[in-house]
Amino acid sequence: MTNQSGDISEVKFLTIAEVASMMRVSKMTVYRLVHNGELPAVRVGRSFRVTEQDANEYLQRSYFDAG
């Protein structure tokens, strides 16, 4: 989540709604992934933020070859 120098200022955080839009799923699905521990998130006040990298890594892990 951080770069080599440990600087988190370059990390892009997404809202639950942005992650849901990116994945083409409902916000409730993203909340379930966060609460089940499948998608790492940071709590900011009463809302959650997911790093763009974590969202992309989750999608990469989730690829399924149906053929």
PDB file of N, CA and C in Angstrom:
ATOM      1  N   MET A   1       0.808  -1.190   0.000  1.00  0.00           N
ATOM      2  CA  MET A   1       0.000   0.000   0.000  1.00  0.00           C
ATOM      3  C   MET A   1       0.852   1.256   0.000  1.00  0.00           C
ATOM      4  N   THR A   2       2.053   1.183   0.491  1.00  0.00           N
ATOM      5  CA  THR A   2       2.943   2.340   0.479  1.00  0.00           C
ATOM      6  C   THR A   2       4.029   2.110  -0.548  1.00  0.00           C
ATOM      7  N   ASN A   3       4.670   3.212  -0.951  1.00  0.00           N
ATOM      8  CA  ASN A   3       5.779   3.040  -1.886  1.00  0.00           C
ATOM      9  C   ASN A   3       7.043   2.674  -1.114  1.00  0.00           C
ATOM     10  N   GLN A   4       8.167   2.593  -1.805  1.00  0.00           N
ATOM     11  CA  GLN A   4       9.397   2.107  -1.188  1.00  0.00           C
ATOM     12  C   GLN A   4       9.855   2.964  -0.009  1.00  0.00           C
ATOM     13  N   SER A   5       9.559   4.265  -0.034  1.00  0.00           N
ATOM     14  CA  SER A   5       9.990   5.124   1.066  1.00  0.00           C
ATOM     15  C   SER A   5       8.977   5.133   2.211  1.00  0.00           C
ATOM     16  N   GLY A   6       7.879   4.355   2.080  1.00  0.00           N
ATOM     17  CA  GLY A   6       6.871   4.302   3.125  1.00  0.00           C
ATOM     18  C   GLY A   6       5.887   5.458   3.074  1.00  0.00           C
ATOM     19  N   ASP A   7       5.896   6.234   1.988  1.00  0.00           N
ATOM     20  CA  ASP A   7       5.031   7.406   1.849  1.00  0.00           C
ATOM     21  C   ASP A   7       3.655   6.993   1.346  1.00  0.00           C
ATOM     22  N   ILE A   8       2.633   7.302   2.128  1.00  0.00           N
ATOM     23  CA  ILE A   8       1.272   6.929   1.757  1.00  0.00           C
ATOM     24  C   ILE A   8       0.556   8.050   1.004  1.00  0.00           C
ATOM     25  N   SER A   9       1.208   9.208   0.859  1.00  0.00           N
ATOM     26  CA  SER A   9       0.560  10.363   0.233  1.00  0.00           C
ATOM     27  C   SER A   9       0.261  10.144  -1.249  1.00  0.00           C
ATOM     28  N   GLU A  10       0.922   9.193  -1.881  1.00  0.00           N
ATOM     29  CA  GLU A  10       0.697   8.927  -3.301  1.00  0.00           C
ATOM     30  C   GLU A  10      -0.396   7.890  -3.536  1.00  0.00           C
ATOM     31  N   VAL A  11      -0.908   7.269  -2.467  1.00  0.00           N
ATOM     32  CA  VAL A  11      -1.912   6.223  -2.590  1.00  0.00           C
ATOM     33  C   VAL A  11      -3.261   6.848  -2.906  1.00  0.00           C
ATOM     34  N   LYS A  12      -3.978   6.274  -3.899  1.00  0.00           N
ATOM     35  CA  LYS A  12      -5.292   6.790  -4.257  1.00  0.00           C
ATOM     36  C   LYS A  12      -6.355   5.971  -3.535  1.00  0.00           C
ATOM     37  N   PHE A  13      -7.177   6.651  -2.735  1.00  0.00           N
ATOM     38  CA  PHE A  13      -8.255   5.999  -2.005  1.00  0.00           C
ATOM     39  C   PHE A  13      -9.567   6.209  -2.738  1.00  0.00           C
ATOM     40  N   LEU A  14     -10.378   5.156  -2.790  1.00  0.00           N
ATOM     41  CA  LEU A  14     -11.683   5.196  -3.445  1.00  0.00           C
ATOM     42  C   LEU A  14     -12.788   5.017  -2.416  1.00  0.00           C
ATOM     43  N   THR A  15     -13.932   5.634  -2.664  1.00  0.00           N
ATOM     44  CA  THR A  15     -15.090   5.420  -1.811  1.00  0.00           C
ATOM     45  C   THR A  15     -15.715   4.072  -2.163  1.00  0.00           C
ATOM     46  N   ILE A  16     -16.615   3.621  -1.312  1.00  0.00           N
ATOM     47  CA  ILE A  16     -17.334   2.373  -1.588  1.00  0.00           C
ATOM     48  C   ILE A  16     -18.110   2.499  -2.896  1.00  0.00           C
ATOM     49  N   ALA A  17     -18.728   3.651  -3.118  1.00  0.00           N
ATOM     50  CA  ALA A  17     -19.493   3.873  -4.349  1.00  0.00           C
ATOM     51  C   ALA A  17     -18.587   3.806  -5.580  1.00  0.00           C
ATOM     52  N   GLU A  18     -17.380   4.362  -5.491  1.00  0.00           N
ATOM     53  CA  GLU A  18     -16.445   4.321  -6.618  1.00  0.00           C
ATOM     54  C   GLU A  18     -15.988   2.892  -6.900  1.00  0.00           C
ATOM     55  N   VAL A  19     -15.732   2.123  -5.845  1.00  0.00           N
ATOM     56  CA  VAL A  19     -15.337   0.722  -6.019  1.00  0.00           C
ATOM     57  C   VAL A  19     -16.476  -0.062  -6.648  1.00  0.00           C
ATOM     58  N   ALA A  20     -17.706   0.169  -6.172  1.00  0.00           N
ATOM     59  CA  ALA A  20     -18.871  -0.523  -6.718  1.00  0.00           C
ATOM     60  C   ALA A  20     -19.038  -0.207  -8.199  1.00  0.00           C
ATOM     61  N   SER A  21     -18.872   1.038  -8.560  1.00  0.00           N
ATOM     62  CA  SER A  21     -18.983   1.442  -9.962  1.00  0.00           C
ATOM     63  C   SER A  21     -17.895   0.794 -10.813  1.00  0.00           C
ATOM     64  N   MET A  22     -16.680   0.763 -10.280  1.00  0.00           N
ATOM     65  CA  MET A  22     -15.544   0.170 -10.992  1.00  0.00           C
ATOM     66  C   MET A  22     -15.760  -1.325 -11.233  1.00  0.00           C
ATOM     67  N   MET A  23     -16.335  -2.013 -10.222  1.00  0.00           N
ATOM     68  CA  MET A  23     -16.551  -3.458 -10.307  1.00  0.00           C
ATOM     69  C   MET A  23     -17.893  -3.810 -10.944  1.00  0.00           C
ATOM     70  N   ARG A  24     -18.729  -2.811 -11.187  1.00  0.00           N
ATOM     71  CA  ARG A  24     -20.076  -3.017 -11.736  1.00  0.00           C
ATOM     72  C   ARG A  24     -20.931  -3.901 -10.824  1.00  0.00           C
ATOM     73  N   VAL A  25     -20.882  -3.618  -9.517  1.00  0.00           N
ATOM     74  CA  VAL A  25     -21.691  -4.325  -8.522  1.00  0.00           C
ATOM     75  C   VAL A  25     -22.360  -3.275  -7.626  1.00  0.00           C
ATOM     76  N   SER A  26     -23.224  -3.715  -6.724  1.00  0.00           N
ATOM     77  CA  SER A  26     -23.885  -2.787  -5.816  1.00  0.00           C
ATOM     78  C   SER A  26     -22.951  -2.389  -4.679  1.00  0.00           C
ATOM     79  N   LYS A  27     -23.277  -1.283  -4.028  1.00  0.00           N
ATOM     80  CA  LYS A  27     -22.500  -0.848  -2.870  1.00  0.00           C
ATOM     81  C   LYS A  27     -22.584  -1.894  -1.759  1.00  0.00           C
ATOM     82  N   MET A  28     -23.736  -2.550  -1.608  1.00  0.00           N
ATOM     83  CA  MET A  28     -23.895  -3.571  -0.566  1.00  0.00           C
ATOM     84  C   MET A  28     -22.912  -4.729  -0.787  1.00  0.00           C
ATOM     85  N   THR A  29     -22.672  -5.090  -2.033  1.00  0.00           N
ATOM     86  CA  THR A  29     -21.701  -6.150  -2.333  1.00  0.00           C
ATOM     87  C   THR A  29     -20.305  -5.743  -1.867  1.00  0.00           C
ATOM     88  N   VAL A  30     -19.932  -4.496  -2.107  1.00  0.00           N
ATOM     89  CA  VAL A  30     -18.615  -4.013  -1.678  1.00  0.00           C
ATOM     90  C   VAL A  30     -18.545  -3.985  -0.157  1.00  0.00           C
ATOM     91  N   TYR A  31     -19.621  -3.524   0.502  1.00  0.00           N
ATOM     92  CA  TYR A  31     -19.640  -3.536   1.972  1.00  0.00           C
ATOM     93  C   TYR A  31     -19.464  -4.959   2.500  1.00  0.00           C
ATOM     94  N   ARG A  32     -20.103  -5.943   1.867  1.00  0.00           N
ATOM     95  CA  ARG A  32     -19.946  -7.342   2.294  1.00  0.00           C
ATOM     96  C   ARG A  32     -18.501  -7.796   2.151  1.00  0.00           C
ATOM     97  N   LEU A  33     -17.867  -7.454   1.031  1.00  0.00           N
ATOM     98  CA  LEU A  33     -16.465  -7.826   0.816  1.00  0.00           C
ATOM     99  C   LEU A  33     -15.566  -7.220   1.890  1.00  0.00           C
ATOM    100  N   VAL A  34     -15.832  -5.976   2.251  1.00  0.00           N
ATOM    101  CA  VAL A  34     -15.036  -5.301   3.280  1.00  0.00           C
ATOM    102  C   VAL A  34     -15.262  -5.966   4.632  1.00  0.00           C
ATOM    103  N   HIS A  35     -16.521  -6.172   4.999  1.00  0.00           N
ATOM    104  CA  HIS A  35     -16.829  -6.737   6.318  1.00  0.00           C
ATOM    105  C   HIS A  35     -16.389  -8.197   6.449  1.00  0.00           C
ATOM    106  N   ASN A  36     -16.342  -8.929   5.335  1.00  0.00           N
ATOM    107  CA  ASN A  36     -15.876 -10.316   5.363  1.00  0.00           C
ATOM    108  C   ASN A  36     -14.354 -10.413   5.331  1.00  0.00           C
ATOM    109  N   GLY A  37     -13.679  -9.287   5.153  1.00  0.00           N
ATOM    110  CA  GLY A  37     -12.220  -9.285   5.131  1.00  0.00           C
ATOM    111  C   GLY A  37     -11.627  -9.646   3.788  1.00  0.00           C
ATOM    112  N   GLU A  38     -12.457  -9.759   2.756  1.00  0.00           N
ATOM    113  CA  GLU A  38     -11.956 -10.113   1.424  1.00  0.00           C
ATOM    114  C   GLU A  38     -11.349  -8.918   0.705  1.00  0.00           C
ATOM    115  N   LEU A  39     -11.782  -7.716   1.074  1.00  0.00           N
ATOM    116  CA  LEU A  39     -11.291  -6.487   0.462  1.00  0.00           C
ATOM    117  C   LEU A  39     -10.828  -5.552   1.584  1.00  0.00           C
ATOM    118  N   PRO A  40      -9.518  -5.283   1.664  1.00  0.00           N
ATOM    119  CA  PRO A  40      -9.008  -4.408   2.725  1.00  0.00           C
ATOM    120  C   PRO A  40      -9.563  -2.987   2.589  1.00  0.00           C
ATOM    121  N   ALA A  41      -9.869  -2.368   3.718  1.00  0.00           N
ATOM    122  CA  ALA A  41     -10.391  -1.001   3.704  1.00  0.00           C
ATOM    123  C   ALA A  41      -9.929  -0.270   4.956  1.00  0.00           C
ATOM    124  N   VAL A  42      -9.959   1.043   4.875  1.00  0.00           N
ATOM    125  CA  VAL A  42      -9.614   1.915   5.991  1.00  0.00           C
ATOM    126  C   VAL A  42     -10.889   2.648   6.386  1.00  0.00           C
ATOM    127  N   ARG A  43     -11.158   2.694   7.674  1.00  0.00           N
ATOM    128  CA  ARG A  43     -12.344   3.417   8.134  1.00  0.00           C
ATOM    129  C   ARG A  43     -11.955   4.867   8.406  1.00  0.00           C
ATOM    130  N   VAL A  44     -12.695   5.787   7.803  1.00  0.00           N
ATOM    131  CA  VAL A  44     -12.482   7.215   7.988  1.00  0.00           C
ATOM    132  C   VAL A  44     -13.797   7.786   8.504  1.00  0.00           C
ATOM    133  N   GLY A  45     -13.841   8.061   9.786  1.00  0.00           N
ATOM    134  CA  GLY A  45     -15.103   8.501  10.380  1.00  0.00           C
ATOM    135  C   GLY A  45     -16.115   7.377  10.305  1.00  0.00           C
ATOM    136  N   ARG A  46     -17.243   7.642   9.655  1.00  0.00           N
ATOM    137  CA  ARG A  46     -18.284   6.624   9.509  1.00  0.00           C
ATOM    138  C   ARG A  46     -18.251   5.939   8.149  1.00  0.00           C
ATOM    139  N   SER A  47     -17.278   6.280   7.312  1.00  0.00           N
ATOM    140  CA  SER A  47     -17.216   5.693   5.977  1.00  0.00           C
ATOM    141  C   SER A  47     -15.937   4.888   5.788  1.00  0.00           C
ATOM    142  N   PHE A  48     -15.897   4.149   4.708  1.00  0.00           N
ATOM    143  CA  PHE A  48     -14.736   3.320   4.384  1.00  0.00           C
ATOM    144  C   PHE A  48     -14.073   3.839   3.124  1.00  0.00           C
ATOM    145  N   ARG A  49     -12.766   3.608   3.028  1.00  0.00           N
ATOM    146  CA  ARG A  49     -12.000   3.910   1.820  1.00  0.00           C
ATOM    147  C   ARG A  49     -11.173   2.684   1.469  1.00  0.00           C
ATOM    148  N   VAL A  50     -11.099   2.404   0.185  1.00  0.00           N
ATOM    149  CA  VAL A  50     -10.349   1.263  -0.336  1.00  0.00           C
ATOM    150  C   VAL A  50      -9.290   1.812  -1.277  1.00  0.00           C
ATOM    151  N   THR A  51      -8.068   1.312  -1.161  1.00  0.00           N
ATOM    152  CA  THR A  51      -7.044   1.784  -2.094  1.00  0.00           C
ATOM    153  C   THR A  51      -7.338   1.224  -3.475  1.00  0.00           C
ATOM    154  N   GLU A  52      -6.991   2.007  -4.476  1.00  0.00           N
ATOM    155  CA  GLU A  52      -7.189   1.579  -5.861  1.00  0.00           C
ATOM    156  C   GLU A  52      -6.403   0.291  -6.126  1.00  0.00           C
ATOM    157  N   GLN A  53      -5.214   0.200  -5.553  1.00  0.00           N
ATOM    158  CA  GLN A  53      -4.382  -0.987  -5.720  1.00  0.00           C
ATOM    159  C   GLN A  53      -5.071  -2.229  -5.138  1.00  0.00           C
ATOM    160  N   ASP A  54      -5.658  -2.106  -3.937  1.00  0.00           N
ATOM    161  CA  ASP A  54      -6.346  -3.242  -3.320  1.00  0.00           C
ATOM    162  C   ASP A  54      -7.551  -3.670  -4.145  1.00  0.00           C
ATOM    163  N   ALA A  55      -8.285  -2.713  -4.695  1.00  0.00           N
ATOM    164  CA  ALA A  55      -9.442  -3.042  -5.531  1.00  0.00           C
ATOM    165  C   ALA A  55      -8.986  -3.788  -6.790  1.00  0.00           C
ATOM    166  N   ASN A  56      -7.912  -3.301  -7.410  1.00  0.00           N
ATOM    167  CA  ASN A  56      -7.394  -3.961  -8.613  1.00  0.00           C
ATOM    168  C   ASN A  56      -6.855  -5.354  -8.298  1.00  0.00           C
ATOM    169  N   GLU A  57      -6.167  -5.508  -7.169  1.00  0.00           N
ATOM    170  CA  GLU A  57      -5.649  -6.816  -6.779  1.00  0.00           C
ATOM    171  C   GLU A  57      -6.788  -7.798  -6.496  1.00  0.00           C
ATOM    172  N   TYR A  58      -7.861  -7.318  -5.876  1.00  0.00           N
ATOM    173  CA  TYR A  58      -9.018  -8.181  -5.625  1.00  0.00           C
ATOM    174  C   TYR A  58      -9.587  -8.685  -6.950  1.00  0.00           C
ATOM    175  N   LEU A  59      -9.718  -7.799  -7.926  1.00  0.00           N
ATOM    176  CA  LEU A  59     -10.239  -8.207  -9.231  1.00  0.00           C
ATOM    177  C   LEU A  59      -9.313  -9.215  -9.911  1.00  0.00           C
ATOM    178  N   GLN A  60      -8.002  -9.002  -9.804  1.00  0.00           N
ATOM    179  CA  GLN A  60      -7.044  -9.944 -10.395  1.00  0.00           C
ATOM    180  C   GLN A  60      -7.170 -11.326  -9.761  1.00  0.00           C
ATOM    181  N   ARG A  61      -7.323 -11.380  -8.432  1.00  0.00           N
ATOM    182  CA  ARG A  61      -7.468 -12.657  -7.729  1.00  0.00           C
ATOM    183  C   ARG A  61      -8.783 -13.351  -8.067  1.00  0.00           C
ATOM    184  N   SER A  62      -9.775 -12.589  -8.504  1.00  0.00           N
ATOM    185  CA  SER A  62     -11.115 -13.117  -8.706  1.00  0.00           C
ATOM    186  C   SER A  62     -11.375 -13.633 -10.117  1.00  0.00           C
ATOM    187  N   TYR A  63     -10.411 -13.499 -11.002  1.00  0.00           N
ATOM    188  CA  TYR A  63     -10.633 -13.992 -12.368  1.00  0.00           C
ATOM    189  C   TYR A  63     -10.932 -15.481 -12.346  1.00  0.00           C
ATOM    190  N   PHE A  64     -11.901 -15.869 -13.139  1.00  0.00           N
ATOM    191  CA  PHE A  64     -12.341 -17.256 -13.199  1.00  0.00           C
ATOM    192  C   PHE A  64     -12.375 -17.683 -14.659  1.00  0.00           C
ATOM    193  N   ASP A  65     -11.684 -18.762 -14.973  1.00  0.00           N
ATOM    194  CA  ASP A  65     -11.654 -19.269 -16.342  1.00  0.00           C
ATOM    195  C   ASP A  65     -12.802 -20.249 -16.541  1.00  0.00           C
ATOM    196  N   ALA A  66     -13.826 -19.818 -17.232  1.00  0.00           N
ATOM    197  CA  ALA A  66     -15.023 -20.640 -17.420  1.00  0.00           C
ATOM    198  C   ALA A  66     -14.884 -21.580 -18.606  1.00  0.00           C
ATOM    199  N   GLY A  67     -13.811 -21.453 -19.354  1.00  0.00           N
ATOM    200  CA  GLY A  67     -13.670 -22.254 -20.567  1.00  0.00           C
ATOM    201  C   GLY A  67     -12.907 -23.456 -20.305  1.00  0.00           C
TER     202      GLY A  67
END
